[in-house]
Amino acid sequence: QVQLVESGGGLVQAGGSLRLSCAASVSILSIDFMRWYRQPPGNERELLAARTSMGSSAYADSVKGRFTISRDNATNTVYLQMNSLKPEDSAVYYCNAIKRRYPYWGQGTQVTVSS
């Protein structure tokens, strides 16, 4: 069982930055994949960034060059640094973990970018 708690969402102006945090209840070194998704109102959930336990990362084209996924093994926390935010980045952001092929989700955190 893995519990995930996101934080760091809020209201920011276009061009600004936010850093989201995802705290895991287990060692993130035991988790195969850590991912960030987002879901705008009325739209499907979109995969934004992924990081493997070996440290490699991948990004969706929509956020490449603006968002960075990182982790702190000591605190079992994964971050999503979001820069140059746009109004279309407004959504609920979710943390996801894959451990032994089973998915776990956090409760989500709202990000709103004003123009």
Protein backbone atom coordinates (compact mmCIF):
# COMPACT_ATOMS: atom_id res chain seq x y z
CA GLN A 1 0.00 0.00 0.00
CA VAL A 2 1.30 3.41 -0.98
CA GLN A 3 -0.25 6.67 0.15
CA LEU A 4 0.50 9.85 -1.76
CA VAL A 5 -0.16 13.38 -0.57
CA GLU A 6 0.19 16.30 -2.98
CA SER A 7 0.69 19.91 -1.99
CA GLY A 8 1.86 23.17 -3.48
CA GLY A 9 -1.01 24.07 -5.77
CA GLY A 10 -2.56 27.51 -5.85
CA LEU A 11 -3.24 30.60 -7.90
CA VAL A 12 -0.43 32.12 -9.95
CA GLN A 13 -0.21 34.67 -12.75
CA ALA A 14 0.79 33.66 -16.25
CA GLY A 15 4.56 33.46 -16.55
CA GLY A 16 4.95 32.53 -12.91
CA SER A 17 6.17 29.36 -11.22
CA LEU A 18 4.93 26.78 -8.75
CA ARG A 19 6.48 23.71 -7.23
CA LEU A 20 4.24 20.77 -6.46
CA SER A 21 5.21 18.16 -3.91
CA CYS A 22 4.14 14.53 -3.60
CA ALA A 23 5.00 12.83 -0.34
CA ALA A 24 4.95 9.03 -0.39
CA SER A 25 4.30 6.79 2.62
CA VAL A 26 7.01 4.35 1.52
CA SER A 27 10.53 4.66 0.21
CA ILE A 28 10.35 6.05 -3.32
CA LEU A 29 13.30 3.82 -4.18
CA SER A 30 10.87 0.90 -3.88
CA ILE A 31 8.49 2.48 -6.40
CA ASP A 32 9.00 1.60 -10.04
CA PHE A 33 7.61 4.81 -11.55
CA MET A 34 6.55 8.17 -10.17
CA ARG A 35 4.41 10.29 -12.46
CA TRP A 36 2.57 13.58 -12.55
CA TYR A 37 -0.74 13.94 -14.35
CA ARG A 38 -3.21 16.77 -14.70
CA GLN A 39 -6.90 16.95 -15.49
CA PRO A 40 -8.51 20.19 -16.67
CA PRO A 41 -12.27 20.52 -16.17
CA GLY A 42 -14.17 18.44 -18.70
CA ASN A 43 -11.02 16.84 -20.09
CA GLU A 44 -9.21 13.56 -19.72
CA ARG A 45 -6.31 13.06 -17.39
CA GLU A 46 -2.99 13.87 -19.14
CA LEU A 47 0.40 12.36 -18.33
CA LEU A 48 2.94 15.16 -17.89
CA ALA A 49 6.13 13.74 -16.48
CA ALA A 50 7.54 10.45 -15.30
CA ARG A 51 10.60 9.40 -13.37
CA THR A 52 11.84 5.86 -12.90
CA SER A 53 13.49 4.43 -9.81
CA MET A 54 16.74 4.41 -11.81
CA GLY A 55 16.50 8.19 -12.21
CA SER A 56 15.54 8.66 -15.86
CA SER A 57 12.82 11.17 -16.74
CA ALA A 58 10.43 11.82 -19.59
CA TYR A 59 8.01 14.65 -20.37
CA ALA A 60 4.96 15.35 -22.46
CA ASP A 61 5.57 17.77 -25.33
CA SER A 62 3.14 20.24 -23.78
CA VAL A 63 5.41 20.80 -20.77
CA LYS A 64 8.87 19.89 -22.04
CA GLY A 65 11.35 22.64 -21.23
CA ARG A 66 9.00 24.24 -18.68
CA PHE A 67 8.35 21.50 -16.11
CA THR A 68 10.91 19.40 -14.24
CA ILE A 69 10.30 16.27 -12.20
CA SER A 70 12.73 15.53 -9.39
CA ARG A 71 12.87 13.56 -6.19
CA ASP A 72 14.32 13.64 -2.71
CA ASN A 73 15.05 10.09 -1.59
CA ALA A 74 15.65 11.17 2.00
CA THR A 75 12.13 12.52 2.42
CA ASN A 76 10.39 10.20 -0.06
CA THR A 77 9.10 13.21 -1.95
CA VAL A 78 8.72 13.81 -5.66
CA TYR A 79 8.47 17.34 -7.00
CA LEU A 80 7.15 18.99 -10.12
CA GLN A 81 8.76 22.36 -10.75
CA MET A 82 6.55 24.33 -13.12
CA ASN A 83 7.91 27.45 -14.80
CA SER A 84 6.54 29.82 -17.44
CA LEU A 85 3.02 28.83 -16.51
CA LYS A 86 0.18 29.49 -18.95
CA PRO A 87 -3.56 29.74 -18.38
CA GLU A 88 -3.97 26.42 -20.20
CA ASP A 89 -1.90 24.78 -17.46
CA SER A 90 -4.84 25.28 -15.08
CA ALA A 91 -6.00 21.88 -13.85
CA VAL A 92 -6.05 19.50 -10.93
CA TYR A 93 -2.61 17.93 -10.70
CA TYR A 94 -2.22 14.35 -9.51
CA CYS A 95 0.72 12.32 -8.33
CA ASN A 96 0.82 8.67 -9.40
CA ALA A 97 3.01 5.78 -8.28
CA ILE A 98 3.44 2.38 -9.88
CA LYS A 99 4.68 -0.28 -7.48
CA ARG A 100 4.73 -3.90 -8.57
CA ARG A 101 2.44 -2.94 -11.48
CA TYR A 102 -0.23 -1.52 -9.16
CA PRO A 103 -1.17 2.16 -9.51
CA TYR A 104 -1.64 4.51 -6.58
CA TRP A 105 -3.03 8.05 -6.74
CA GLY A 106 -2.93 11.11 -4.59
CA GLN A 107 -5.95 13.29 -3.93
CA GLY A 108 -4.89 16.01 -6.34
CA THR A 109 -3.99 19.67 -5.96
CA GLN A 110 -5.56 22.55 -7.87
CA VAL A 111 -3.41 24.83 -10.00
CA THR A 112 -4.98 27.95 -11.46
CA VAL A 113 -3.06 30.24 -13.79
CA SER A 114 -4.58 33.66 -14.40
CA SER A 115 -3.95 35.62 -17.58
